[in-house]
N, C-alpha and C. Protein backbone atom coordinates (compact mmCIF):
# COMPACT_ATOMS: atom_id res chain seq x y z
N MET A 1 68.66 -66.96 61.40
CA MET A 1 69.84 -66.26 61.83
C MET A 1 69.79 -64.79 61.46
N SER A 2 69.25 -64.49 60.30
CA SER A 2 69.23 -63.12 59.84
C SER A 2 68.35 -62.26 60.75
N GLN A 3 67.37 -62.87 61.39
CA GLN A 3 66.51 -62.10 62.29
C GLN A 3 67.27 -61.68 63.54
N ILE A 4 68.10 -62.57 64.05
CA ILE A 4 68.87 -62.24 65.25
C ILE A 4 69.87 -61.14 64.94
N VAL A 5 70.52 -61.24 63.79
CA VAL A 5 71.48 -60.22 63.40
C VAL A 5 70.78 -58.90 63.12
N ALA A 6 69.57 -58.98 62.55
CA ALA A 6 68.85 -57.77 62.19
C ALA A 6 68.24 -57.08 63.41
N ALA A 7 68.16 -57.76 64.54
CA ALA A 7 67.56 -57.15 65.73
C ALA A 7 68.45 -56.02 66.22
N THR A 8 67.86 -54.89 66.40
CA THR A 8 68.61 -53.75 66.89
C THR A 8 68.57 -53.75 68.42
N PRO A 9 69.46 -53.05 69.06
CA PRO A 9 69.44 -52.97 70.52
C PRO A 9 68.12 -52.41 71.04
N ARG A 10 67.50 -51.53 70.26
CA ARG A 10 66.22 -50.94 70.68
C ARG A 10 65.14 -52.01 70.75
N LYS A 11 65.10 -52.92 69.78
CA LYS A 11 64.12 -54.00 69.78
C LYS A 11 64.36 -54.94 70.96
N LEU A 12 65.63 -55.20 71.26
CA LEU A 12 65.93 -56.08 72.40
C LEU A 12 65.50 -55.45 73.71
N VAL A 13 65.76 -54.17 73.86
CA VAL A 13 65.34 -53.46 75.07
C VAL A 13 63.82 -53.44 75.16
N SER A 14 63.17 -53.22 74.03
CA SER A 14 61.72 -53.21 74.00
C SER A 14 61.17 -54.57 74.40
N GLY A 15 61.79 -55.63 73.93
CA GLY A 15 61.36 -56.98 74.30
C GLY A 15 61.57 -57.24 75.79
N ARG A 16 62.69 -56.79 76.33
CA ARG A 16 62.97 -56.98 77.76
C ARG A 16 61.97 -56.18 78.61
N VAL A 17 61.69 -54.96 78.18
CA VAL A 17 60.75 -54.12 78.92
C VAL A 17 59.36 -54.74 78.90
N SER A 18 58.95 -55.23 77.75
CA SER A 18 57.62 -55.82 77.68
C SER A 18 57.56 -57.10 78.52
N LEU A 19 58.65 -57.87 78.56
CA LEU A 19 58.69 -59.06 79.39
C LEU A 19 58.62 -58.70 80.88
N MET A 20 59.35 -57.65 81.26
CA MET A 20 59.31 -57.19 82.65
C MET A 20 57.92 -56.68 83.01
N LEU A 21 57.29 -55.96 82.10
CA LEU A 21 55.94 -55.47 82.35
C LEU A 21 54.95 -56.63 82.49
N MET A 22 55.15 -57.67 81.70
CA MET A 22 54.28 -58.83 81.78
C MET A 22 54.40 -59.49 83.15
N PHE A 23 55.64 -59.68 83.63
CA PHE A 23 55.83 -60.29 84.94
C PHE A 23 55.30 -59.40 86.06
N ALA A 24 55.52 -58.11 85.94
CA ALA A 24 55.01 -57.19 86.96
C ALA A 24 53.49 -57.20 86.99
N THR A 25 52.86 -57.24 85.83
CA THR A 25 51.41 -57.30 85.76
C THR A 25 50.89 -58.59 86.38
N ALA A 26 51.57 -59.70 86.08
CA ALA A 26 51.16 -60.99 86.64
C ALA A 26 51.29 -60.97 88.16
N ALA A 27 52.34 -60.35 88.68
CA ALA A 27 52.54 -60.29 90.12
C ALA A 27 51.46 -59.43 90.77
N VAL A 28 51.14 -58.32 90.16
CA VAL A 28 50.11 -57.43 90.71
C VAL A 28 48.75 -58.11 90.68
N VAL A 29 48.44 -58.78 89.59
CA VAL A 29 47.14 -59.44 89.46
C VAL A 29 47.02 -60.56 90.48
N SER A 30 48.08 -61.34 90.66
CA SER A 30 48.00 -62.43 91.63
C SER A 30 47.92 -61.89 93.06
N ALA A 31 48.62 -60.82 93.36
CA ALA A 31 48.54 -60.22 94.70
C ALA A 31 47.16 -59.63 94.94
N THR A 32 46.59 -59.04 93.91
CA THR A 32 45.24 -58.48 94.03
C THR A 32 44.23 -59.59 94.25
N GLY A 33 44.41 -60.73 93.62
CA GLY A 33 43.52 -61.86 93.80
C GLY A 33 43.54 -62.35 95.23
N VAL A 34 44.71 -62.42 95.84
CA VAL A 34 44.82 -62.85 97.23
C VAL A 34 44.19 -61.81 98.15
N MET A 35 44.44 -60.56 97.86
CA MET A 35 43.88 -59.51 98.68
C MET A 35 42.35 -59.50 98.55
N ALA A 36 41.86 -59.70 97.35
CA ALA A 36 40.41 -59.71 97.14
C ALA A 36 39.78 -60.88 97.86
N ALA A 37 40.45 -62.02 97.89
CA ALA A 37 39.91 -63.19 98.60
C ALA A 37 39.84 -62.89 100.09
N GLY A 38 40.84 -62.22 100.63
CA GLY A 38 40.81 -61.83 102.05
C GLY A 38 39.71 -60.84 102.33
N GLU A 39 39.49 -59.92 101.41
CA GLU A 39 38.43 -58.94 101.58
C GLU A 39 37.06 -59.60 101.52
N VAL A 40 36.92 -60.60 100.66
CA VAL A 40 35.65 -61.33 100.58
C VAL A 40 35.39 -62.07 101.87
N ALA A 41 36.41 -62.71 102.42
CA ALA A 41 36.24 -63.43 103.68
C ALA A 41 35.86 -62.46 104.80
N THR A 42 36.47 -61.30 104.83
CA THR A 42 36.14 -60.30 105.83
C THR A 42 34.71 -59.80 105.65
N ALA A 43 34.31 -59.59 104.42
CA ALA A 43 32.94 -59.13 104.14
C ALA A 43 31.92 -60.19 104.55
N ILE A 44 32.23 -61.45 104.32
CA ILE A 44 31.32 -62.53 104.71
C ILE A 44 31.20 -62.59 106.22
N THR A 45 32.31 -62.46 106.92
CA THR A 45 32.27 -62.47 108.39
C THR A 45 31.45 -61.31 108.92
N ASP A 46 31.63 -60.12 108.34
CA ASP A 46 30.85 -58.96 108.77
C ASP A 46 29.36 -59.18 108.51
N LEU A 47 29.04 -59.75 107.36
CA LEU A 47 27.64 -60.02 107.03
C LEU A 47 27.03 -61.04 107.99
N GLN A 48 27.79 -62.07 108.34
CA GLN A 48 27.30 -63.06 109.30
C GLN A 48 27.05 -62.41 110.66
N THR A 49 27.97 -61.59 111.10
CA THR A 49 27.82 -60.92 112.39
C THR A 49 26.59 -60.01 112.40
N GLN A 50 26.40 -59.24 111.34
CA GLN A 50 25.24 -58.35 111.25
C GLN A 50 23.94 -59.15 111.21
N THR A 51 23.95 -60.26 110.49
CA THR A 51 22.74 -61.08 110.40
C THR A 51 22.38 -61.67 111.75
N ILE A 52 23.35 -62.20 112.47
CA ILE A 52 23.10 -62.78 113.79
C ILE A 52 22.60 -61.69 114.74
N THR A 53 23.19 -60.51 114.66
CA THR A 53 22.74 -59.40 115.50
C THR A 53 21.30 -59.02 115.18
N ASN A 54 20.97 -58.96 113.89
CA ASN A 54 19.60 -58.62 113.49
C ASN A 54 18.60 -59.68 113.94
N ILE A 55 18.99 -60.96 113.87
CA ILE A 55 18.10 -62.02 114.34
C ILE A 55 17.85 -61.87 115.84
N GLY A 56 18.89 -61.56 116.59
CA GLY A 56 18.74 -61.34 118.03
C GLY A 56 17.79 -60.18 118.32
N LEU A 57 17.92 -59.10 117.54
CA LEU A 57 17.03 -57.95 117.74
C LEU A 57 15.58 -58.30 117.42
N VAL A 58 15.37 -59.09 116.37
CA VAL A 58 14.01 -59.48 115.99
C VAL A 58 13.39 -60.37 117.06
N VAL A 59 14.17 -61.31 117.59
CA VAL A 59 13.66 -62.18 118.66
C VAL A 59 13.32 -61.37 119.89
N THR A 60 14.17 -60.43 120.26
CA THR A 60 13.91 -59.57 121.41
C THR A 60 12.65 -58.74 121.20
N ALA A 61 12.49 -58.19 120.02
CA ALA A 61 11.30 -57.40 119.72
C ALA A 61 10.05 -58.27 119.75
N ALA A 62 10.15 -59.51 119.26
CA ALA A 62 8.99 -60.41 119.27
C ALA A 62 8.57 -60.73 120.71
N PHE A 63 9.54 -60.97 121.59
CA PHE A 63 9.20 -61.21 123.00
C PHE A 63 8.59 -59.97 123.64
N ALA A 64 9.10 -58.81 123.28
CA ALA A 64 8.53 -57.57 123.84
C ALA A 64 7.08 -57.40 123.40
N VAL A 65 6.79 -57.67 122.14
CA VAL A 65 5.41 -57.57 121.65
C VAL A 65 4.53 -58.61 122.34
N LEU A 66 5.06 -59.81 122.53
CA LEU A 66 4.32 -60.87 123.21
C LEU A 66 3.98 -60.46 124.64
N VAL A 67 4.94 -59.91 125.35
CA VAL A 67 4.71 -59.49 126.73
C VAL A 67 3.69 -58.36 126.78
N VAL A 68 3.82 -57.39 125.89
CA VAL A 68 2.90 -56.26 125.88
C VAL A 68 1.48 -56.71 125.56
N SER A 69 1.36 -57.71 124.70
CA SER A 69 0.01 -58.17 124.34
C SER A 69 -0.57 -59.10 125.40
N LEU A 70 0.25 -59.81 126.14
CA LEU A 70 -0.27 -60.75 127.14
C LEU A 70 -0.51 -60.09 128.51
N VAL A 71 0.20 -59.06 128.83
CA VAL A 71 0.06 -58.43 130.15
C VAL A 71 -1.38 -57.99 130.43
N PRO A 72 -2.06 -57.33 129.51
CA PRO A 72 -3.45 -56.94 129.82
C PRO A 72 -4.36 -58.16 130.02
N ASP A 73 -4.19 -59.20 129.20
CA ASP A 73 -5.02 -60.40 129.36
C ASP A 73 -4.77 -61.07 130.71
N ILE A 74 -3.53 -61.23 131.07
CA ILE A 74 -3.19 -61.87 132.34
C ILE A 74 -3.65 -60.98 133.50
N GLY A 75 -3.41 -59.69 133.38
CA GLY A 75 -3.84 -58.77 134.45
C GLY A 75 -5.34 -58.77 134.64
N LEU A 76 -6.10 -58.72 133.55
CA LEU A 76 -7.57 -58.75 133.65
C LEU A 76 -8.05 -60.08 134.21
N GLY A 77 -7.40 -61.19 133.78
CA GLY A 77 -7.77 -62.51 134.31
C GLY A 77 -7.54 -62.59 135.80
N LEU A 78 -6.41 -62.09 136.26
CA LEU A 78 -6.12 -62.11 137.70
C LEU A 78 -7.07 -61.18 138.46
N ALA A 79 -7.37 -60.04 137.87
CA ALA A 79 -8.30 -59.13 138.53
C ALA A 79 -9.69 -59.75 138.64
N LYS A 80 -10.15 -60.44 137.62
CA LYS A 80 -11.46 -61.10 137.67
C LYS A 80 -11.48 -62.17 138.75
N LYS A 81 -10.41 -62.97 138.84
CA LYS A 81 -10.35 -64.00 139.89
C LYS A 81 -10.38 -63.35 141.28
N TRP A 82 -9.66 -62.27 141.41
CA TRP A 82 -9.59 -61.60 142.71
C TRP A 82 -10.95 -61.03 143.09
N ILE A 83 -11.67 -60.49 142.09
CA ILE A 83 -12.99 -59.92 142.34
C ILE A 83 -13.98 -61.04 142.66
N LYS A 84 -13.91 -62.20 141.95
CA LYS A 84 -14.82 -63.30 142.20
C LYS A 84 -14.62 -63.86 143.60
N LYS A 85 -13.40 -63.96 144.08
CA LYS A 85 -13.14 -64.48 145.42
C LYS A 85 -13.62 -63.50 146.47
N GLY A 86 -13.78 -62.32 146.09
CA GLY A 86 -14.20 -61.29 147.02
C GLY A 86 -13.00 -60.64 147.65
N ALA A 87 -12.83 -59.43 147.32
CA ALA A 87 -11.69 -58.69 147.87
C ALA A 87 -11.95 -58.47 149.34
N SER A 88 -11.00 -58.90 150.11
CA SER A 88 -11.22 -58.71 151.55
C SER A 88 -10.23 -57.78 152.15
């Protein structure tokens, strides 16, 4: 009982302020956690999109290299057949 009587208005205000600060901090931290989770999901989606785009570019480049390397072989093969048949 003596502690309650001995509490000054300043200590009570200080206790209320610290309690309000604690709740405000908890609210900010929880809101930041939700926001961070949304940002992580957005970052993952962006990373997936970039990865799929890069895979498409690599496949396209591989086909281009394949075509460039096969065209001379196919062209020379066709030219040899045409020459063997006798160009008329």
